[in-house]
Amino acid sequence: MVNSNNRKESGNAKSTNLLRLELPCEYAGKVVIPSIRALVVKTLVQEYKITKYKAAKIMGLTPAAVTYYLSGDRGKKLVDEIERDRELLRIVKEIADVIARNNGIHTLEDYARYRESICKICSKVNVYAQMAGCH
C-alpha cells in the first residue's frame, strides 16, 4: 500500500509528500501471520491439551513466544476478526488439527496445505492484499 506522509527535508523548510511502500506480505508478516499463530497455539493448548513447551517445539517457537500468544501480548490485532469469521476459524482449526495429529508439519503435502491455508486467511483479512489483488 502506498501511504503519503508530510515530511520536512533536512536543511529545507518546505515539506514534500513522500511515499512509503508497504507490500501485502510485509503486513502479513507483521500482523496477519502472528494473529494466525496466536489462534493455532491457543487451539493446540486449549483444545488439544498440548503443553506450551510441546506447542513451542512443534510450532518452531520459543516457550516465551507461546506464552505471549496465549496472553494476547503478541498477535492479537486480527484475532477477533478471524474468530468471528466461521470459515477462517475452521481453517485455523484444520491447521491445528494437522499439527496436533502429526506433531508438526513433516511432509511437503502438509506444508503445501498449511501454506495455502495461511494464504486463504491472509487474503481475506489483509486489506493490503485485497488492494493488491492477492488471492
N, C-alpha and C. Protein backbone atom coordinates (compact mmCIF):
# COMPACT_ATOMS: atom_id res chain seq x y z
N MET A 1 0.85 -1.17 0.00
CA MET A 1 0.00 0.00 0.00
C MET A 1 0.89 1.22 0.00
N VAL A 2 0.43 2.25 -0.59
CA VAL A 2 1.18 3.49 -0.64
C VAL A 2 0.58 4.44 0.37
N ASN A 3 1.41 4.91 1.29
CA ASN A 3 0.98 5.89 2.28
C ASN A 3 1.69 7.20 1.99
N SER A 4 1.00 8.29 2.14
CA SER A 4 1.59 9.60 1.93
C SER A 4 1.86 10.23 3.28
N ASN A 5 3.08 10.67 3.49
CA ASN A 5 3.45 11.32 4.75
C ASN A 5 4.06 12.67 4.44
N ASN A 6 3.67 13.69 5.18
CA ASN A 6 4.31 15.00 5.05
C ASN A 6 5.57 14.96 5.88
N ARG A 7 6.67 15.44 5.30
CA ARG A 7 7.95 15.37 5.99
C ARG A 7 8.81 16.54 5.58
N LYS A 8 9.49 17.15 6.54
CA LYS A 8 10.42 18.23 6.23
C LYS A 8 11.73 17.66 5.75
N GLU A 9 12.27 18.24 4.70
CA GLU A 9 13.58 17.83 4.26
C GLU A 9 14.61 18.51 5.14
N SER A 10 15.70 17.81 5.45
CA SER A 10 16.71 18.40 6.31
C SER A 10 17.33 19.61 5.62
N GLY A 11 17.46 20.68 6.37
CA GLY A 11 18.04 21.90 5.84
C GLY A 11 17.10 22.67 4.94
N ASN A 12 15.87 22.24 4.81
CA ASN A 12 14.93 22.90 3.93
C ASN A 12 13.60 22.99 4.65
N ALA A 13 13.00 24.14 4.67
CA ALA A 13 11.77 24.35 5.41
C ALA A 13 10.54 23.83 4.67
N LYS A 14 10.65 23.57 3.38
CA LYS A 14 9.46 23.14 2.64
C LYS A 14 9.16 21.66 2.91
N SER A 15 7.89 21.34 2.92
CA SER A 15 7.52 19.94 3.14
C SER A 15 7.21 19.30 1.79
N THR A 16 7.45 18.01 1.72
CA THR A 16 7.17 17.26 0.50
C THR A 16 6.36 16.04 0.86
N ASN A 17 5.64 15.54 -0.10
CA ASN A 17 4.92 14.29 0.10
C ASN A 17 5.84 13.15 -0.30
N LEU A 18 6.16 12.32 0.66
CA LEU A 18 6.97 11.14 0.39
C LEU A 18 6.07 9.93 0.45
N LEU A 19 6.35 8.95 -0.36
CA LEU A 19 5.55 7.74 -0.39
C LEU A 19 6.26 6.64 0.37
N ARG A 20 5.52 5.97 1.23
CA ARG A 20 6.03 4.82 1.95
C ARG A 20 5.33 3.60 1.37
N LEU A 21 6.09 2.67 0.89
CA LEU A 21 5.51 1.50 0.25
C LEU A 21 5.53 0.33 1.23
N GLU A 22 4.39 -0.28 1.41
CA GLU A 22 4.32 -1.49 2.22
C GLU A 22 3.64 -2.56 1.39
N LEU A 23 4.36 -3.64 1.18
CA LEU A 23 3.84 -4.74 0.38
C LEU A 23 2.89 -5.58 1.23
N PRO A 24 1.93 -6.23 0.58
CA PRO A 24 0.97 -7.05 1.33
C PRO A 24 1.65 -8.10 2.22
N CYS A 25 2.71 -8.70 1.72
CA CYS A 25 3.38 -9.73 2.51
C CYS A 25 4.14 -9.15 3.70
N GLU A 26 4.55 -7.88 3.62
CA GLU A 26 5.17 -7.25 4.79
C GLU A 26 4.14 -7.10 5.91
N TYR A 27 2.96 -6.64 5.55
CA TYR A 27 1.88 -6.51 6.53
C TYR A 27 1.50 -7.88 7.08
N ALA A 28 1.47 -8.86 6.20
CA ALA A 28 1.15 -10.22 6.63
C ALA A 28 2.16 -10.71 7.66
N GLY A 29 3.43 -10.48 7.40
CA GLY A 29 4.47 -10.92 8.31
C GLY A 29 4.42 -10.22 9.66
N LYS A 30 4.01 -8.98 9.65
CA LYS A 30 3.95 -8.21 10.91
C LYS A 30 2.65 -8.41 11.67
N VAL A 31 1.54 -8.61 10.97
CA VAL A 31 0.24 -8.58 11.62
C VAL A 31 -0.57 -9.87 11.42
N VAL A 32 -0.73 -10.29 10.18
CA VAL A 32 -1.64 -11.40 9.88
C VAL A 32 -1.11 -12.73 10.42
N ILE A 33 0.10 -13.08 10.07
CA ILE A 33 0.65 -14.37 10.48
C ILE A 33 0.76 -14.49 12.00
N PRO A 34 1.21 -13.46 12.72
CA PRO A 34 1.19 -13.58 14.18
C PRO A 34 -0.21 -13.82 14.75
N SER A 35 -1.23 -13.24 14.14
CA SER A 35 -2.60 -13.46 14.61
C SER A 35 -3.03 -14.90 14.35
N ILE A 36 -2.66 -15.44 13.20
CA ILE A 36 -2.98 -16.84 12.90
C ILE A 36 -2.24 -17.75 13.86
N ARG A 37 -0.95 -17.48 14.08
CA ARG A 37 -0.18 -18.29 15.03
C ARG A 37 -0.79 -18.27 16.41
N ALA A 38 -1.24 -17.10 16.83
CA ALA A 38 -1.86 -16.99 18.16
C ALA A 38 -3.07 -17.92 18.26
N LEU A 39 -3.88 -17.95 17.24
CA LEU A 39 -5.07 -18.81 17.26
C LEU A 39 -4.71 -20.30 17.16
N VAL A 40 -3.71 -20.63 16.37
CA VAL A 40 -3.28 -22.03 16.28
C VAL A 40 -2.72 -22.49 17.62
N VAL A 41 -1.87 -21.68 18.23
CA VAL A 41 -1.30 -22.01 19.54
C VAL A 41 -2.41 -22.16 20.57
N LYS A 42 -3.35 -21.23 20.57
CA LYS A 42 -4.48 -21.30 21.52
C LYS A 42 -5.25 -22.61 21.33
N THR A 43 -5.49 -22.99 20.09
CA THR A 43 -6.22 -24.23 19.80
C THR A 43 -5.42 -25.45 20.27
N LEU A 44 -4.13 -25.47 19.99
CA LEU A 44 -3.30 -26.60 20.40
C LEU A 44 -3.30 -26.76 21.92
N VAL A 45 -3.15 -25.67 22.62
CA VAL A 45 -3.04 -25.73 24.09
C VAL A 45 -4.40 -25.96 24.74
N GLN A 46 -5.43 -25.25 24.30
CA GLN A 46 -6.72 -25.34 24.97
C GLN A 46 -7.57 -26.52 24.52
N GLU A 47 -7.58 -26.81 23.23
CA GLU A 47 -8.45 -27.88 22.73
C GLU A 47 -7.75 -29.23 22.63
N TYR A 48 -6.49 -29.22 22.30
CA TYR A 48 -5.75 -30.48 22.16
C TYR A 48 -4.94 -30.80 23.43
N LYS A 49 -4.97 -29.90 24.39
CA LYS A 49 -4.30 -30.10 25.69
C LYS A 49 -2.80 -30.36 25.52
N ILE A 50 -2.20 -29.75 24.53
CA ILE A 50 -0.76 -29.84 24.31
C ILE A 50 -0.10 -28.81 25.23
N THR A 51 0.99 -29.19 25.87
CA THR A 51 1.66 -28.25 26.77
C THR A 51 2.24 -27.08 25.97
N LYS A 52 2.47 -25.98 26.65
CA LYS A 52 3.08 -24.82 26.00
C LYS A 52 4.45 -25.17 25.43
N TYR A 53 5.18 -26.01 26.16
CA TYR A 53 6.53 -26.38 25.70
C TYR A 53 6.48 -27.23 24.44
N LYS A 54 5.55 -28.16 24.40
CA LYS A 54 5.42 -29.00 23.20
C LYS A 54 4.89 -28.17 22.04
N ALA A 55 3.93 -27.30 22.32
CA ALA A 55 3.40 -26.42 21.26
C ALA A 55 4.52 -25.56 20.69
N ALA A 56 5.37 -25.06 21.56
CA ALA A 56 6.50 -24.24 21.10
C ALA A 56 7.41 -25.06 20.20
N LYS A 57 7.72 -26.27 20.61
CA LYS A 57 8.62 -27.11 19.82
C LYS A 57 8.04 -27.44 18.44
N ILE A 58 6.78 -27.86 18.40
CA ILE A 58 6.22 -28.27 17.11
C ILE A 58 5.88 -27.08 16.20
N MET A 59 5.73 -25.89 16.80
CA MET A 59 5.45 -24.69 16.00
C MET A 59 6.73 -23.94 15.63
N GLY A 60 7.87 -24.39 16.17
CA GLY A 60 9.13 -23.70 15.89
C GLY A 60 9.24 -22.37 16.60
N LEU A 61 8.64 -22.30 17.78
CA LEU A 61 8.63 -21.08 18.58
C LEU A 61 9.34 -21.32 19.91
N THR A 62 9.58 -20.26 20.64
CA THR A 62 10.09 -20.40 22.00
C THR A 62 8.90 -20.54 22.95
N PRO A 63 9.10 -21.14 24.12
CA PRO A 63 8.02 -21.19 25.10
C PRO A 63 7.53 -19.78 25.47
N ALA A 64 8.44 -18.82 25.51
CA ALA A 64 8.05 -17.43 25.82
C ALA A 64 7.11 -16.88 24.74
N ALA A 65 7.39 -17.19 23.48
CA ALA A 65 6.53 -16.72 22.39
C ALA A 65 5.13 -17.31 22.53
N VAL A 66 5.07 -18.60 22.88
CA VAL A 66 3.77 -19.25 23.08
C VAL A 66 3.01 -18.55 24.19
N THR A 67 3.70 -18.24 25.28
CA THR A 67 3.07 -17.53 26.40
C THR A 67 2.55 -16.17 25.94
N TYR A 68 3.34 -15.45 25.15
CA TYR A 68 2.89 -14.15 24.63
C TYR A 68 1.66 -14.29 23.74
N TYR A 69 1.66 -15.31 22.88
CA TYR A 69 0.49 -15.54 22.02
C TYR A 69 -0.75 -15.86 22.86
N LEU A 70 -0.59 -16.70 23.87
CA LEU A 70 -1.73 -17.09 24.70
C LEU A 70 -2.26 -15.93 25.55
N SER A 71 -1.39 -15.06 25.98
CA SER A 71 -1.81 -13.94 26.83
C SER A 71 -2.36 -12.78 26.01
N GLY A 72 -2.17 -12.82 24.70
CA GLY A 72 -2.64 -11.72 23.85
C GLY A 72 -1.62 -10.60 23.71
N ASP A 73 -0.42 -10.80 24.26
CA ASP A 73 0.63 -9.78 24.13
C ASP A 73 1.29 -9.80 22.75
N ARG A 74 1.02 -10.83 21.98
CA ARG A 74 1.57 -10.93 20.63
C ARG A 74 0.48 -11.50 19.72
N GLY A 75 0.36 -10.91 18.54
CA GLY A 75 -0.54 -11.45 17.53
C GLY A 75 -2.02 -11.15 17.72
N LYS A 76 -2.36 -10.21 18.57
CA LYS A 76 -3.79 -10.01 18.87
C LYS A 76 -4.56 -9.14 17.89
N LYS A 77 -3.86 -8.44 17.02
CA LYS A 77 -4.52 -7.43 16.20
C LYS A 77 -5.70 -7.96 15.39
N LEU A 78 -5.57 -9.13 14.77
CA LEU A 78 -6.65 -9.64 13.91
C LEU A 78 -7.34 -10.86 14.49
N VAL A 79 -6.99 -11.25 15.71
CA VAL A 79 -7.56 -12.46 16.32
C VAL A 79 -9.09 -12.40 16.36
N ASP A 80 -9.65 -11.31 16.83
CA ASP A 80 -11.11 -11.21 16.93
C ASP A 80 -11.77 -11.30 15.56
N GLU A 81 -11.18 -10.64 14.58
CA GLU A 81 -11.74 -10.67 13.23
C GLU A 81 -11.73 -12.10 12.66
N ILE A 82 -10.64 -12.80 12.86
CA ILE A 82 -10.55 -14.18 12.37
C ILE A 82 -11.52 -15.08 13.12
N GLU A 83 -11.62 -14.90 14.44
CA GLU A 83 -12.53 -15.73 15.23
C GLU A 83 -14.00 -15.50 14.87
N ARG A 84 -14.36 -14.30 14.45
CA ARG A 84 -15.75 -14.01 14.08
C ARG A 84 -16.15 -14.63 12.75
N ASP A 85 -15.18 -14.94 11.93
CA ASP A 85 -15.45 -15.49 10.60
C ASP A 85 -15.39 -17.02 10.68
N ARG A 86 -16.55 -17.67 10.54
CA ARG A 86 -16.62 -19.14 10.68
C ARG A 86 -15.67 -19.88 9.76
N GLU A 87 -15.59 -19.44 8.53
CA GLU A 87 -14.73 -20.11 7.54
C GLU A 87 -13.26 -19.99 7.94
N LEU A 88 -12.85 -18.80 8.34
CA LEU A 88 -11.45 -18.61 8.73
C LEU A 88 -11.12 -19.39 9.99
N LEU A 89 -12.05 -19.40 10.94
CA LEU A 89 -11.82 -20.16 12.17
C LEU A 89 -11.74 -21.66 11.88
N ARG A 90 -12.55 -22.12 10.93
CA ARG A 90 -12.49 -23.53 10.52
C ARG A 90 -11.11 -23.85 9.94
N ILE A 91 -10.56 -22.95 9.15
CA ILE A 91 -9.23 -23.15 8.57
C ILE A 91 -8.17 -23.21 9.67
N VAL A 92 -8.27 -22.32 10.64
CA VAL A 92 -7.33 -22.32 11.78
C VAL A 92 -7.40 -23.66 12.50
N LYS A 93 -8.61 -24.15 12.73
CA LYS A 93 -8.79 -25.43 13.43
C LYS A 93 -8.20 -26.58 12.62
N GLU A 94 -8.34 -26.53 11.29
CA GLU A 94 -7.76 -27.57 10.44
C GLU A 94 -6.23 -27.55 10.54
N ILE A 95 -5.65 -26.36 10.53
CA ILE A 95 -4.20 -26.23 10.68
C ILE A 95 -3.77 -26.85 12.01
N ALA A 96 -4.45 -26.49 13.07
CA ALA A 96 -4.11 -27.01 14.40
C ALA A 96 -4.28 -28.52 14.45
N ASP A 97 -5.31 -29.04 13.80
CA ASP A 97 -5.56 -30.48 13.80
C ASP A 97 -4.41 -31.24 13.13
N VAL A 98 -3.97 -30.76 11.98
CA VAL A 98 -2.86 -31.42 11.28
C VAL A 98 -1.59 -31.36 12.14
N ILE A 99 -1.34 -30.21 12.73
CA ILE A 99 -0.15 -30.06 13.57
C ILE A 99 -0.23 -30.98 14.78
N ALA A 100 -1.38 -31.03 15.43
CA ALA A 100 -1.55 -31.86 16.63
C ALA A 100 -1.43 -33.35 16.29
N ARG A 101 -2.09 -33.79 15.23
CA ARG A 101 -2.07 -35.21 14.86
C ARG A 101 -0.68 -35.69 14.47
N ASN A 102 0.10 -34.81 13.84
CA ASN A 102 1.40 -35.21 13.30
C ASN A 102 2.60 -34.67 14.08
N ASN A 103 2.34 -34.03 15.21
CA ASN A 103 3.42 -33.38 15.97
C ASN A 103 4.20 -32.40 15.09
N GLY A 104 3.48 -31.64 14.31
CA GLY A 104 4.10 -30.66 13.43
C GLY A 104 3.78 -30.92 11.98
N ILE A 105 4.47 -30.22 11.10
CA ILE A 105 4.31 -30.38 9.66
C ILE A 105 5.56 -31.10 9.17
N HIS A 106 5.38 -32.31 8.62
CA HIS A 106 6.55 -33.11 8.23
C HIS A 106 6.62 -33.45 6.75
N THR A 107 5.49 -33.34 6.04
CA THR A 107 5.51 -33.71 4.63
C THR A 107 5.32 -32.48 3.76
N LEU A 108 5.79 -32.57 2.54
CA LEU A 108 5.60 -31.45 1.60
C LEU A 108 4.12 -31.22 1.32
N GLU A 109 3.35 -32.29 1.31
CA GLU A 109 1.91 -32.18 1.08
C GLU A 109 1.24 -31.39 2.22
N ASP A 110 1.59 -31.73 3.46
CA ASP A 110 1.03 -31.00 4.60
C ASP A 110 1.50 -29.55 4.61
N TYR A 111 2.77 -29.34 4.25
CA TYR A 111 3.29 -27.97 4.20
C TYR A 111 2.55 -27.16 3.14
N ALA A 112 2.30 -27.77 1.98
CA ALA A 112 1.59 -27.06 0.91
C ALA A 112 0.18 -26.68 1.37
N ARG A 113 -0.50 -27.60 2.06
CA ARG A 113 -1.85 -27.28 2.58
C ARG A 113 -1.77 -26.19 3.65
N TYR A 114 -0.75 -26.25 4.50
CA TYR A 114 -0.54 -25.23 5.55
C TYR A 114 -0.35 -23.87 4.90
N ARG A 115 0.54 -23.79 3.92
CA ARG A 115 0.82 -22.53 3.23
C ARG A 115 -0.44 -22.00 2.55
N GLU A 116 -1.18 -22.88 1.88
CA GLU A 116 -2.41 -22.49 1.20
C GLU A 116 -3.44 -21.96 2.20
N SER A 117 -3.53 -22.61 3.34
CA SER A 117 -4.47 -22.18 4.39
C SER A 117 -4.12 -20.80 4.92
N ILE A 118 -2.84 -20.58 5.17
CA ILE A 118 -2.38 -19.27 5.65
C ILE A 118 -2.71 -18.20 4.61
N CYS A 119 -2.46 -18.51 3.35
CA CYS A 119 -2.74 -17.54 2.28
C CYS A 119 -4.24 -17.23 2.16
N LYS A 120 -5.10 -18.24 2.35
CA LYS A 120 -6.55 -18.01 2.30
C LYS A 120 -6.97 -17.03 3.39
N ILE A 121 -6.47 -17.27 4.59
CA ILE A 121 -6.83 -16.37 5.70
C ILE A 121 -6.28 -14.98 5.42
N CYS A 122 -5.03 -14.91 5.02
CA CYS A 122 -4.39 -13.62 4.77
C CYS A 122 -5.13 -12.82 3.70
N SER A 123 -5.49 -13.46 2.61
CA SER A 123 -6.13 -12.72 1.52
C SER A 123 -7.49 -12.18 1.94
N LYS A 124 -8.10 -12.77 2.95
CA LYS A 124 -9.40 -12.29 3.40
C LYS A 124 -9.30 -11.16 4.43
N VAL A 125 -8.28 -11.19 5.30
CA VAL A 125 -8.20 -10.19 6.36
C VAL A 125 -7.15 -9.11 6.11
N ASN A 126 -6.30 -9.31 5.13
CA ASN A 126 -5.22 -8.36 4.85
C ASN A 126 -5.70 -7.34 3.83
N VAL A 127 -5.99 -6.14 4.29
CA VAL A 127 -6.50 -5.09 3.39
C VAL A 127 -5.49 -4.75 2.31
N TYR A 128 -4.20 -4.83 2.63
CA TYR A 128 -3.18 -4.55 1.62
C TYR A 128 -3.21 -5.61 0.52
N ALA A 129 -3.42 -6.87 0.91
CA ALA A 129 -3.50 -7.95 -0.08
C ALA A 129 -4.73 -7.76 -0.96
N GLN A 130 -5.83 -7.34 -0.37
CA GLN A 130 -7.06 -7.14 -1.14
C GLN A 130 -6.86 -6.03 -2.17
N MET A 131 -6.21 -4.95 -1.75
CA MET A 131 -5.97 -3.84 -2.67
C MET A 131 -5.00 -4.20 -3.78
N ALA A 132 -4.09 -5.14 -3.49
CA ALA A 132 -3.10 -5.54 -4.48
C ALA A 132 -3.61 -6.67 -5.37
N GLY A 133 -4.80 -7.20 -5.06
CA GLY A 133 -5.38 -8.25 -5.87
C GLY A 133 -4.87 -9.65 -5.53
N CYS A 134 -4.27 -9.81 -4.34
CA CYS A 134 -3.81 -11.15 -3.93
C CYS A 134 -5.02 -12.03 -3.70
N HIS A 135 -4.86 -13.30 -3.95
CA HIS A 135 -5.96 -14.23 -3.74
C HIS A 135 -5.46 -15.59 -3.33
